PDB file of N, CA and C in Angstrom:
ATOM      1  N   MET A   1       7.679  12.771   1.412  1.00  0.00           N
ATOM      2  CA  MET A   1       7.870  12.500   0.445  1.00  0.00           C
ATOM      3  C   MET A   1       6.258  11.763   1.137  1.00  0.00           C
ATOM      4  N   ALA A   2       5.389  12.265  -0.096  1.00  0.00           N
ATOM      5  CA  ALA A   2       3.697  10.818  -0.068  1.00  0.00           C
ATOM      6  C   ALA A   2       3.616  10.306  -1.317  1.00  0.00           C
ATOM      7  N   GLN A   3       2.962   9.446  -0.742  1.00  0.00           N
ATOM      8  CA  GLN A   3       2.286   9.075  -2.118  1.00  0.00           C
ATOM      9  C   GLN A   3       0.972   7.743  -1.243  1.00  0.00           C
ATOM     10  N   PRO A   4      -0.072   8.437  -0.728  1.00  0.00           N
ATOM     11  CA  PRO A   4      -1.631   8.384  -0.327  1.00  0.00           C
ATOM     12  C   PRO A   4      -1.544   6.848  -1.060  1.00  0.00           C
ATOM     13  N   ASN A   5      -2.072   5.948  -0.482  1.00  0.00           N
ATOM     14  CA  ASN A   5      -2.895   4.468  -0.968  1.00  0.00           C
ATOM     15  C   ASN A   5      -4.445   4.758   0.005  1.00  0.00           C
ATOM     16  N   SER A   6      -5.018   3.550  -0.697  1.00  0.00           N
ATOM     17  CA  SER A   6      -6.649   3.396  -0.264  1.00  0.00           C
ATOM     18  C   SER A   6      -6.313   1.797   0.798  1.00  0.00           C
ATOM     19  N   LYS A   7      -7.224   2.305   1.956  1.00  0.00           N
ATOM     20  CA  LYS A   7      -7.420   1.558   2.289  1.00  0.00           C
ATOM     21  C   LYS A   7      -7.858  -0.546   1.796  1.00  0.00           C
ATOM     22  N   TYR A   8      -7.614  -1.045   2.865  1.00  0.00           N
ATOM     23  CA  TYR A   8      -8.494  -2.031   1.666  1.00  0.00           C
ATOM     24  C   TYR A   8      -8.197  -3.212   3.287  1.00  0.00           C
ATOM     25  N   GLY A   9      -9.796  -3.698   3.518  1.00  0.00           N
ATOM     26  CA  GLY A   9     -10.124  -3.756   4.746  1.00  0.00           C
ATOM     27  C   GLY A   9      -9.780  -3.143   6.320  1.00  0.00           C
ATOM     28  N   ASP A  10      -8.431  -3.699   6.484  1.00  0.00           N
ATOM     29  CA  ASP A  10      -8.427  -3.621   7.978  1.00  0.00           C
ATOM     30  C   ASP A  10      -6.746  -2.361   7.366  1.00  0.00           C
ATOM     31  N   SER A  11      -6.123  -2.792   6.174  1.00  0.00           N
ATOM     32  CA  SER A  11      -4.993  -2.806   5.704  1.00  0.00           C
ATOM     33  C   SER A  11      -4.318  -1.855   4.629  1.00  0.00           C
ATOM     34  N   ILE A  12      -3.164  -0.656   5.463  1.00  0.00           N
ATOM     35  CA  ILE A  12      -2.869   0.500   4.551  1.00  0.00           C
ATOM     36  C   ILE A  12      -2.101   0.136   4.058  1.00  0.00           C
ATOM     37  N   TYR A  13      -1.472  -0.605   3.047  1.00  0.00           N
ATOM     38  CA  TYR A  13       0.355  -0.743   2.635  1.00  0.00           C
ATOM     39  C   TYR A  13       0.927   0.202   2.511  1.00  0.00           C
ATOM     40  N   PHE A  14       1.896   0.023   2.913  1.00  0.00           N
ATOM     41  CA  PHE A  14       2.976   1.408   2.896  1.00  0.00           C
ATOM     42  C   PHE A  14       3.506   1.516   1.603  1.00  0.00           C
ATOM     43  N   PRO A  15       4.076   2.813   1.335  1.00  0.00           N
ATOM     44  CA  PRO A  15       3.988   3.056  -0.238  1.00  0.00           C
ATOM     45  C   PRO A  15       5.150   2.331  -0.755  1.00  0.00           C
ATOM     46  N   TYR A  16       5.538   0.940  -1.511  1.00  0.00           N
ATOM     47  CA  TYR A  16       6.883   0.657  -1.650  1.00  0.00           C
ATOM     48  C   TYR A  16       7.352   1.592  -2.642  1.00  0.00           C
ATOM     49  N   THR A  17       7.005   2.172  -3.630  1.00  0.00           N
ATOM     50  CA  THR A  17       7.853   3.334  -4.689  1.00  0.00           C
ATOM     51  C   THR A  17       8.636   3.820  -3.607  1.00  0.00           C
ATOM     52  N   ALA A  18       7.694   5.163  -2.703  1.00  0.00           N
ATOM     53  CA  ALA A  18       8.095   5.727  -2.315  1.00  0.00           C
ATOM     54  C   ALA A  18       8.976   5.696  -1.310  1.00  0.00           C
ATOM     55  N   GLY A  19       9.244   4.469  -0.577  1.00  0.00           N
ATOM     56  CA  GLY A  19      10.149   3.408   0.152  1.00  0.00           C
ATOM     57  C   GLY A  19      11.340   3.136  -0.790  1.00  0.00           C
ATOM     58  N   SER A  20      11.271   2.651  -1.868  1.00  0.00           N
ATOM     59  CA  SER A  20      12.371   2.444  -2.500  1.00  0.00           C
ATOM     60  C   SER A  20      13.367   3.526  -3.456  1.00  0.00           C
ATOM     61  N   LEU A  21      12.263   4.658  -3.771  1.00  0.00           N
ATOM     62  CA  LEU A  21      12.811   5.839  -4.177  1.00  0.00           C
ATOM     63  C   LEU A  21      14.082   6.434  -3.486  1.00  0.00           C
ATOM     64  N   ILE A  22      13.814   6.478  -2.042  1.00  0.00           N
ATOM     65  CA  ILE A  22      14.241   6.839  -0.701  1.00  0.00           C
ATOM     66  C   ILE A  22      15.508   5.979  -0.446  1.00  0.00           C
ATOM     67  N   ALA A  23      15.523   4.817  -0.496  1.00  0.00           N
ATOM     68  CA  ALA A  23      16.553   3.981   0.225  1.00  0.00           C
ATOM     69  C   ALA A  23      17.620   3.859  -1.178  1.00  0.00           C
ATOM     70  N   TYR A  24      17.200   3.741  -2.613  1.00  0.00           N
ATOM     71  CA  TYR A  24      18.208   4.369  -3.148  1.00  0.00           C
ATOM     72  C   TYR A  24      18.807   5.597  -3.248  1.00  0.00           C
ATOM     73  N   ALA A  25      18.627   6.826  -3.194  1.00  0.00           N
ATOM     74  CA  ALA A  25      18.848   8.056  -2.730  1.00  0.00           C
ATOM     75  C   ALA A  25      20.145   8.381  -1.815  1.00  0.00           C
ATOM     76  N   PHE A  26      19.015   7.229  -0.442  1.00  0.00           N
ATOM     77  CA  PHE A  26      20.282   7.733   0.689  1.00  0.00           C
ATOM     78  C   PHE A  26      21.292   6.566   0.605  1.00  0.00           C
ATOM     79  N   GLU A  27      21.448   6.214  -0.677  1.00  0.00           N
ATOM     80  CA  GLU A  27      22.987   4.941  -0.295  1.00  0.00           C
ATOM     81  C   GLU A  27      24.194   5.549  -1.047  1.00  0.00           C
ATOM     82  N   ASP A  28      23.720   7.211  -1.195  1.00  0.00           N
ATOM     83  CA  ASP A  28      24.094   8.276  -1.715  1.00  0.00           C
ATOM     84  C   ASP A  28      24.855   8.672  -1.036  1.00  0.00           C
ATOM     85  N   LEU A  29      25.998   9.444  -0.512  1.00  0.00           N
ATOM     86  CA  LEU A  29      26.925  10.668   0.899  1.00  0.00           C
ATOM     87  C   LEU A  29      26.658  11.512   0.585  1.00  0.00           C
ATOM     88  N   ALA A  30      26.684  11.467  -0.317  1.00  0.00           N
ATOM     89  CA  ALA A  30      26.170  13.371  -0.439  1.00  0.00           C
ATOM     90  C   ALA A  30      24.728  13.909  -0.274  1.00  0.00           C
ATOM     91  N   VAL A  31      23.723  12.393  -1.028  1.00  0.00           N
ATOM     92  CA  VAL A  31      22.781  12.754  -0.775  1.00  0.00           C
ATOM     93  C   VAL A  31      22.197  12.993   1.051  1.00  0.00           C
ATOM     94  N   ALA A  32      22.939  11.178   2.236  1.00  0.00           N
ATOM     95  CA  ALA A  32      22.054  11.811   2.999  1.00  0.00           C
ATOM     96  C   ALA A  32      23.410  12.317   4.189  1.00  0.00           C
ATOM     97  N   ARG A  33      23.813  13.315   3.680  1.00  0.00           N
ATOM     98  CA  ARG A  33      24.541  14.205   4.002  1.00  0.00           C
ATOM     99  C   ARG A  33      23.179  15.610   4.151  1.00  0.00           C
ATOM    100  N   ARG A  34      23.394  15.401   3.456  1.00  0.00           N
ATOM    101  CA  ARG A  34      22.072  16.554   2.599  1.00  0.00           C
ATOM    102  C   ARG A  34      20.409  17.241   2.707  1.00  0.00           C
ATOM    103  N   PHE A  35      20.177  15.949   3.523  1.00  0.00           N
ATOM    104  CA  PHE A  35      18.678  16.251   3.673  1.00  0.00           C
ATOM    105  C   PHE A  35      18.753  14.936   4.949  1.00  0.00           C
ATOM    106  N   THR A  36      17.742  15.662   5.183  1.00  0.00           N
ATOM    107  CA  THR A  36      16.585  14.594   6.309  1.00  0.00           C
ATOM    108  C   THR A  36      15.075  13.889   6.068  1.00  0.00           C
ATOM    109  N   LEU A  37      14.911  12.638   6.343  1.00  0.00           N
ATOM    110  CA  LEU A  37      13.684  12.459   5.675  1.00  0.00           C
ATOM    111  C   LEU A  37      12.700  12.511   6.997  1.00  0.00           C
ATOM    112  N   GLY A  38      11.806  12.885   6.740  1.00  0.00           N
ATOM    113  CA  GLY A  38      10.149  13.472   7.377  1.00  0.00           C
ATOM    114  C   GLY A  38       9.296  11.922   7.305  1.00  0.00           C
ATOM    115  N   ALA A  39       8.165  12.403   8.344  1.00  0.00           N
ATOM    116  CA  ALA A  39       7.335  11.118   7.985  1.00  0.00           C
ATOM    117  C   ALA A  39       6.462  11.214   6.772  1.00  0.00           C
ATOM    118  N   PHE A  40       6.416   9.215   6.249  1.00  0.00           N
ATOM    119  CA  PHE A  40       6.219   8.929   5.003  1.00  0.00           C
ATOM    120  C   PHE A  40       4.664  10.201   5.413  1.00  0.00           C
ATOM    121  N   ILE A  41       3.901   9.810   4.146  1.00  0.00           N
ATOM    122  CA  ILE A  41       2.566  10.536   3.853  1.00  0.00           C
ATOM    123  C   ILE A  41       1.965   8.936   3.347  1.00  0.00           C
ATOM    124  N   TYR A  42       0.927   8.178   3.953  1.00  0.00           N
ATOM    125  CA  TYR A  42       0.670   7.030   2.790  1.00  0.00           C
ATOM    126  C   TYR A  42      -0.887   6.432   3.068  1.00  0.00           C
ATOM    127  N   LYS A  43      -1.428   7.526   3.830  1.00  0.00           N
ATOM    128  CA  LYS A  43      -2.786   7.304   4.376  1.00  0.00           C
ATOM    129  C   LYS A  43      -3.927   8.515   3.783  1.00  0.00           C
ATOM    130  N   LYS A  44      -4.759   8.024   2.905  1.00  0.00           N
ATOM    131  CA  LYS A  44      -5.588   9.477   2.114  1.00  0.00           C
ATOM    132  C   LYS A  44      -6.349   9.852   3.397  1.00  0.00           C
ATOM    133  N   GLU A  45      -6.391  11.511   3.885  1.00  0.00           N
ATOM    134  CA  GLU A  45      -6.702  11.407   5.238  1.00  0.00           C
ATOM    135  C   GLU A  45      -7.310  13.308   4.477  1.00  0.00           C
ATOM    136  N   ASP A  46      -7.644  13.862   5.441  1.00  0.00           N
ATOM    137  CA  ASP A  46      -7.809  15.411   5.582  1.00  0.00           C
ATOM    138  C   ASP A  46      -6.599  16.310   4.656  1.00  0.00           C
ATOM    139  N   VAL A  47      -6.751  16.749   4.033  1.00  0.00           N
ATOM    140  CA  VAL A  47      -5.412  17.666   3.737  1.00  0.00           C
ATOM    141  C   VAL A  47      -5.053  18.663   4.731  1.00  0.00           C
ATOM    142  N   GLU A  48      -6.015  19.311   5.279  1.00  0.00           N
ATOM    143  CA  GLU A  48      -5.690  20.465   6.047  1.00  0.00           C
ATOM    144  C   GLU A  48      -4.915  19.848   7.031  1.00  0.00           C
ATOM    145  N   THR A  49      -5.219  18.637   8.016  1.00  0.00           N
ATOM    146  CA  THR A  49      -4.453  17.834   8.336  1.00  0.00           C
ATOM    147  C   THR A  49      -3.212  17.141   8.405  1.00  0.00           C
ATOM    148  N   VAL A  50      -3.078  16.850   7.522  1.00  0.00           N
ATOM    149  CA  VAL A  50      -1.903  16.169   6.460  1.00  0.00           C
ATOM    150  C   VAL A  50      -0.993  17.718   6.471  1.00  0.00           C
ATOM    151  N   VAL A  51      -0.782  18.257   5.787  1.00  0.00           N
ATOM    152  CA  VAL A  51      -0.439  19.550   5.650  1.00  0.00           C
ATOM    153  C   VAL A  51      -0.104  20.231   7.269  1.00  0.00           C
ATOM    154  N   GLY A  52      -1.144  20.364   7.905  1.00  0.00           N
ATOM    155  CA  GLY A  52      -0.845  20.839   9.733  1.00  0.00           C
ATOM    156  C   GLY A  52       0.155  19.767  10.606  1.00  0.00           C
ATOM    157  N   ARG A  53       0.265  18.454   9.959  1.00  0.00           N
ATOM    158  CA  ARG A  53       1.162  18.069  10.598  1.00  0.00           C
ATOM    159  C   ARG A  53       2.611  18.259   9.553  1.00  0.00           C
ATOM    160  N   MET A  54       2.542  18.428   7.991  1.00  0.00           N
ATOM    161  CA  MET A  54       4.419  19.292   8.060  1.00  0.00           C
ATOM    162  C   MET A  54       4.990  20.274   8.791  1.00  0.00           C
ATOM    163  N   GLY A  55       4.650  21.151   9.125  1.00  0.00           N
ATOM    164  CA  GLY A  55       4.776  21.817   9.665  1.00  0.00           C
ATOM    165  C   GLY A  55       5.412  23.054   9.008  1.00  0.00           C
ATOM    166  N   SER A  56       6.514  24.019   8.924  1.00  0.00           N
ATOM    167  CA  SER A  56       7.289  25.050   8.655  1.00  0.00           C
ATOM    168  C   SER A  56       8.434  24.524   7.831  1.00  0.00           C
ATOM    169  N   ARG A  57       8.655  23.195   7.540  1.00  0.00           N
ATOM    170  CA  ARG A  57       9.554  22.290   6.245  1.00  0.00           C
ATOM    171  C   ARG A  57       9.671  22.790   5.247  1.00  0.00           C
ATOM    172  N   PHE A  58       8.296  23.170   4.587  1.00  0.00           N
ATOM    173  CA  PHE A  58       7.848  23.202   2.876  1.00  0.00           C
ATOM    174  C   PHE A  58       7.411  25.157   2.862  1.00  0.00           C
TER     175      PHE A  58
END
């Protein structure tokens, strides 16, 4: 799940929309059994860096 956000001062806010969607989806046992949640991508960073952290999951 990715929802890059801008930095405001020293803060980067966690993506509320992405978190809400994941929480709702994982209430369904069929979804929770079939899928795993990887790391959230929420900071605007260099594309190659982010893709490298994803590994071969995609």
